[in-house]
């Protein structure tokens, strides 16, 4: 395997698996657009292709040169003993990779499990919405539990989880909590600066996308989140 380590194969397998999943999922919204010949899935699939190329390129780089080049770059930037700390914390064991994949699977669990639950219990939108609320609450509790001791892995998972929740809960209700969560993961603990920065970022995004560009951000389809999103759009426009 050249200079490849198990970690290189696991990393490449994860990204290529994610690309495959996203490509298959893109057929859910593959619709024709009059002003864009590639359709609604054109740009998402282009990004997925770039992700796959980057993963394969990284794997080839490790196959040819191993960690030598990367280690030299990192050592030139900072020598803080992080590699030794990773070895000491057993961050290269099979158990660590399995727990990481379990945490990263949370967004995909939300995307599938509520439909399975609704399909075997109460039919219709009401049952599906109830299932999504319950599953979302459980998964958010899991994320909050792991956020103190698995910050790096939660940081990788959080954008995917945010994207998975957008359609049901809407951008306007979720974005403030997502922004605060990102700041917390990066080490900020002071409540007042966190609230102030969140308000500035959220206000800028609302002004830019809703007021200036007239971009239709998701308002959600579950109450009361739908009403909150609709109210914000009405006030801004």
Protein backbone atom coordinates (compact mmCIF):
# COMPACT_ATOMS: atom_id res chain seq x y z
CA UNK A 1 0.00 0.00 0.00
CA UNK A 2 2.94 2.32 -0.49
CA UNK A 3 3.15 4.69 2.47
CA UNK A 4 -0.53 4.52 3.30
CA UNK A 5 -1.60 4.03 6.91
CA UNK A 6 -5.03 2.76 8.04
CA UNK A 7 -5.96 6.32 8.93
CA UNK A 8 -5.42 7.43 5.32
CA UNK A 9 -7.74 4.71 4.02
CA UNK A 10 -10.39 5.44 6.63
CA UNK A 11 -10.31 9.16 5.86
CA UNK A 12 -10.54 8.63 2.09
CA UNK A 13 -13.28 6.04 2.55
CA UNK A 14 -15.32 8.42 4.67
CA UNK A 15 -15.13 11.30 2.17
CA UNK A 16 -15.80 9.10 -0.84
CA UNK A 17 -18.70 7.44 0.98
CA UNK A 18 -20.10 10.85 1.85
CA UNK A 19 -19.78 11.92 -1.80
CA UNK A 20 -21.63 8.80 -2.94
CA UNK A 21 -24.42 9.38 -0.41
CA UNK A 22 -24.81 13.05 -1.41
CA UNK A 23 -24.81 12.18 -5.11
CA UNK A 24 -27.57 9.60 -4.62
CA UNK A 25 -29.52 12.06 -2.48
CA UNK A 26 -29.22 14.75 -5.19
CA UNK A 27 -31.79 12.84 -7.26
CA UNK A 28 -34.37 13.92 -4.65
CA UNK A 29 -34.26 17.48 -6.00
CA UNK A 30 -33.10 16.84 -9.57
CA UNK A 31 -35.50 19.14 -11.44
CA UNK A 32 -35.25 21.15 -14.66
CA UNK A 33 -34.78 24.92 -14.45
CA UNK A 34 -35.63 27.08 -17.47
CA UNK A 35 -32.77 29.55 -16.98
CA UNK A 36 -30.14 26.91 -16.08
CA UNK A 37 -29.66 23.95 -18.40
CA UNK A 38 -27.94 21.75 -15.79
CA UNK A 39 -30.95 21.79 -13.48
CA UNK A 40 -31.27 22.18 -9.73
CA UNK A 41 -28.73 19.47 -9.00
CA UNK A 42 -26.02 20.86 -11.30
CA UNK A 43 -24.02 22.92 -8.83
CA UNK A 44 -24.42 20.49 -5.90
CA UNK A 45 -23.11 17.66 -8.06
CA UNK A 46 -20.19 19.80 -9.23
CA UNK A 47 -19.24 20.41 -5.60
CA UNK A 48 -19.60 16.70 -4.83
CA UNK A 49 -17.29 15.91 -7.77
CA UNK A 50 -14.67 18.36 -6.46
CA UNK A 51 -14.90 16.76 -3.00
CA UNK A 52 -14.31 13.31 -4.53
CA UNK A 53 -11.37 14.55 -6.61
CA UNK A 54 -9.83 16.17 -3.54
CA UNK A 55 -10.23 12.95 -1.50
CA UNK A 56 -8.66 10.83 -4.24
CA UNK A 57 -5.86 13.36 -4.74
CA UNK A 58 -5.12 13.36 -1.01
CA UNK A 59 -5.02 9.56 -0.99
CA UNK A 60 -2.61 9.49 -3.96
CA UNK A 61 -0.43 12.10 -2.25
CA UNK A 62 -0.21 9.96 0.89
CA UNK A 63 0.48 6.87 -1.23
CA UNK A 64 3.43 8.56 -2.94
CA UNK A 65 4.90 10.62 -0.11
CA UNK A 66 3.22 9.38 3.04
CA UNK A 67 3.07 11.93 5.85
CA UNK A 68 6.51 13.34 5.11
CA UNK A 69 5.44 16.50 3.29
CA UNK A 70 2.52 17.21 5.59
CA UNK A 71 4.68 16.66 8.65
CA UNK A 72 7.29 19.10 7.35
CA UNK A 73 4.65 21.76 6.73
CA UNK A 74 3.07 21.29 10.13
CA UNK A 75 6.46 21.26 11.88
CA UNK A 76 7.41 24.45 10.11
CA UNK A 77 4.23 26.12 11.32
CA UNK A 78 4.18 24.90 14.92
CA UNK A 79 5.74 22.16 17.02
CA UNK A 80 3.31 21.86 19.91
CA UNK A 81 3.40 18.13 20.54
CA UNK A 82 -0.09 17.58 19.10
CA UNK A 83 0.90 14.37 17.30
CA UNK A 84 2.25 12.84 20.51
CA UNK A 85 -0.92 13.93 22.29
CA UNK A 86 -3.05 12.22 19.61
CA UNK A 87 -1.09 8.99 20.07
CA UNK A 88 -1.39 9.24 23.85
CA UNK A 89 -5.16 9.77 23.57
CA UNK A 90 -5.49 6.70 21.31
CA UNK A 91 -6.91 8.75 18.44
CA UNK A 92 -5.72 6.22 15.87
CA UNK A 93 -7.48 3.14 17.25
CA UNK A 94 -10.37 1.32 15.60
CA UNK A 95 -12.60 2.23 18.56
CA UNK A 96 -11.87 5.94 18.03
CA UNK A 97 -12.74 5.74 14.33
CA UNK A 98 -15.96 3.83 15.05
CA UNK A 99 -17.07 6.37 17.64
CA UNK A 100 -16.22 9.17 15.23
CA UNK A 101 -18.32 7.61 12.47
CA UNK A 102 -21.17 7.12 14.95
CA UNK A 103 -21.09 10.82 15.82
CA UNK A 104 -20.85 11.87 12.18
CA UNK A 105 -23.83 9.63 11.38
CA UNK A 106 -26.18 11.83 13.46
CA UNK A 107 -27.29 14.05 10.52
CA UNK A 108 -28.06 11.01 8.38
CA UNK A 109 -29.95 9.37 11.23
CA UNK A 110 -32.22 12.40 11.37
CA UNK A 111 -32.76 12.31 7.61
CA UNK A 112 -34.03 8.70 7.65
CA UNK A 113 -35.24 7.55 11.07
CA UNK A 114 -38.30 9.87 11.42
CA UNK A 115 -39.71 8.55 8.13
CA UNK A 116 -39.28 4.99 9.33
CA UNK A 117 -41.01 5.79 12.62
CA UNK A 118 -43.89 7.62 10.93
CA UNK A 119 -44.28 4.81 8.44
CA UNK A 120 -44.96 2.31 11.21
CA UNK A 121 -47.15 4.48 13.42
CA UNK A 122 -49.45 7.43 12.80
CA UNK A 123 -49.84 8.18 9.05
CA UNK A 124 -49.76 11.63 7.47
CA UNK A 125 -47.77 14.81 8.01
CA UNK A 126 -48.76 15.14 11.66
CA UNK A 127 -47.17 11.83 12.57
CA UNK A 128 -44.05 12.58 10.53
CA UNK A 129 -43.65 16.03 12.10
CA UNK A 130 -44.03 14.57 15.57
CA UNK A 131 -41.42 11.92 14.80
CA UNK A 132 -39.02 14.55 13.50
CA UNK A 133 -39.45 16.70 16.60
CA UNK A 134 -38.77 13.75 18.90
CA UNK A 135 -35.77 12.45 16.94
CA UNK A 136 -34.31 15.96 16.62
CA UNK A 137 -34.64 16.55 20.37
CA UNK A 138 -32.89 13.24 21.15
CA UNK A 139 -30.05 13.87 18.68
CA UNK A 140 -29.53 17.44 19.89
CA UNK A 141 -29.27 16.10 23.46
CA UNK A 142 -26.64 13.60 22.25
CA UNK A 143 -24.66 16.38 20.57
CA UNK A 144 -24.80 18.56 23.70
CA UNK A 145 -23.59 15.59 25.76
CA UNK A 146 -20.58 14.96 23.51
CA UNK A 147 -19.72 18.58 22.80
CA UNK A 148 -17.46 18.98 25.86
CA UNK A 149 -15.24 15.96 25.23
CA UNK A 150 -15.38 15.53 21.45
CA UNK A 151 -15.16 19.09 20.17
CA UNK A 152 -13.24 18.34 16.96
CA UNK A 153 -15.63 15.59 15.89
CA UNK A 154 -18.68 17.67 16.79
CA UNK A 155 -17.17 20.54 14.80
CA UNK A 156 -17.02 18.29 11.72
CA UNK A 157 -20.55 17.01 12.24
CA UNK A 158 -22.35 20.25 13.18
CA UNK A 159 -22.61 21.82 9.68
CA UNK A 160 -24.07 18.58 8.31
CA UNK A 161 -26.55 18.38 11.19
CA UNK A 162 -27.51 22.02 10.64
CA UNK A 163 -28.12 21.35 6.94
CA UNK A 164 -30.19 18.24 7.74
CA UNK A 165 -32.44 20.21 10.10
CA UNK A 166 -32.92 23.21 7.81
CA UNK A 167 -35.83 21.94 5.76
CA UNK A 168 -37.96 21.12 8.80
CA UNK A 169 -36.95 23.80 11.31
CA UNK A 170 -35.91 26.63 9.02
CA UNK A 171 -32.88 28.88 8.78
CA UNK A 172 -34.34 31.67 10.90
CA UNK A 173 -34.91 29.51 13.98
CA UNK A 174 -31.72 27.42 13.71
CA UNK A 175 -29.04 29.87 12.58
CA UNK A 176 -28.63 31.74 15.92
CA UNK A 177 -28.04 28.45 17.79
CA UNK A 178 -25.69 27.21 15.07
CA UNK A 179 -23.59 30.38 15.28
CA UNK A 180 -23.38 30.17 19.07
CA UNK A 181 -22.51 26.47 18.84
CA UNK A 182 -19.63 27.17 16.46
CA UNK A 183 -18.26 29.88 18.76
CA UNK A 184 -18.47 27.50 21.73
CA UNK A 185 -16.60 24.80 19.82
CA UNK A 186 -13.85 27.29 19.02
CA UNK A 187 -13.40 28.02 22.72
CA UNK A 188 -15.52 31.10 23.41
CA UNK A 189 -17.30 30.89 26.77
CA UNK A 190 -18.33 34.49 27.55
CA UNK A 191 -22.13 34.82 27.15
CA UNK A 192 -22.25 38.53 26.32
CA UNK A 193 -19.69 38.50 23.45
CA UNK A 194 -21.26 35.31 22.08
CA UNK A 195 -24.73 36.85 21.97
CA UNK A 196 -23.42 40.10 20.49
CA UNK A 197 -21.38 38.38 17.77
CA UNK A 198 -24.27 36.06 16.97
CA UNK A 199 -26.62 39.03 16.60
CA UNK A 200 -24.18 40.84 14.29
CA UNK A 201 -23.58 37.80 12.07
CA UNK A 202 -27.24 36.82 11.98
CA UNK A 203 -28.32 40.40 11.25
CA UNK A 204 -25.78 40.71 8.43
CA UNK A 205 -26.95 37.44 6.87
CA UNK A 206 -30.61 38.46 7.07
CA UNK A 207 -29.89 41.85 5.54
CA UNK A 208 -27.76 40.42 2.76
CA UNK A 209 -29.88 37.42 1.74
CA UNK A 210 -33.42 38.55 2.55
CA UNK A 211 -33.34 42.33 2.21
CA UNK A 212 -30.80 42.84 -0.58
CA UNK A 213 -30.54 39.61 -2.60
CA UNK A 214 -34.13 38.37 -2.02
CA UNK A 215 -32.90 34.80 -1.53
CA UNK A 216 -35.57 32.43 -0.26
CA UNK A 217 -34.01 30.88 2.84
CA UNK A 218 -35.81 27.86 4.33
CA UNK A 219 -38.60 28.85 6.73
CA UNK A 220 -39.24 25.29 7.92
CA UNK A 221 -42.42 23.26 7.72
CA UNK A 222 -42.96 22.33 11.39
CA UNK A 223 -44.77 24.62 13.81
CA UNK A 224 -43.89 26.90 15.53
CA UNK A 225 -40.69 27.18 13.46
CA UNK A 226 -42.58 27.80 10.22
CA UNK A 227 -44.47 30.71 11.81
CA UNK A 228 -41.23 32.19 13.16
CA UNK A 229 -39.55 32.05 9.75
CA UNK A 230 -42.57 33.45 7.94
CA UNK A 231 -42.84 36.29 10.44
CA UNK A 232 -39.16 37.25 9.99
CA UNK A 233 -39.48 37.26 6.20
CA UNK A 234 -42.64 39.38 6.40
CA UNK A 235 -40.99 41.93 8.67
CA UNK A 236 -37.82 42.21 6.56
CA UNK A 237 -39.55 42.41 3.19
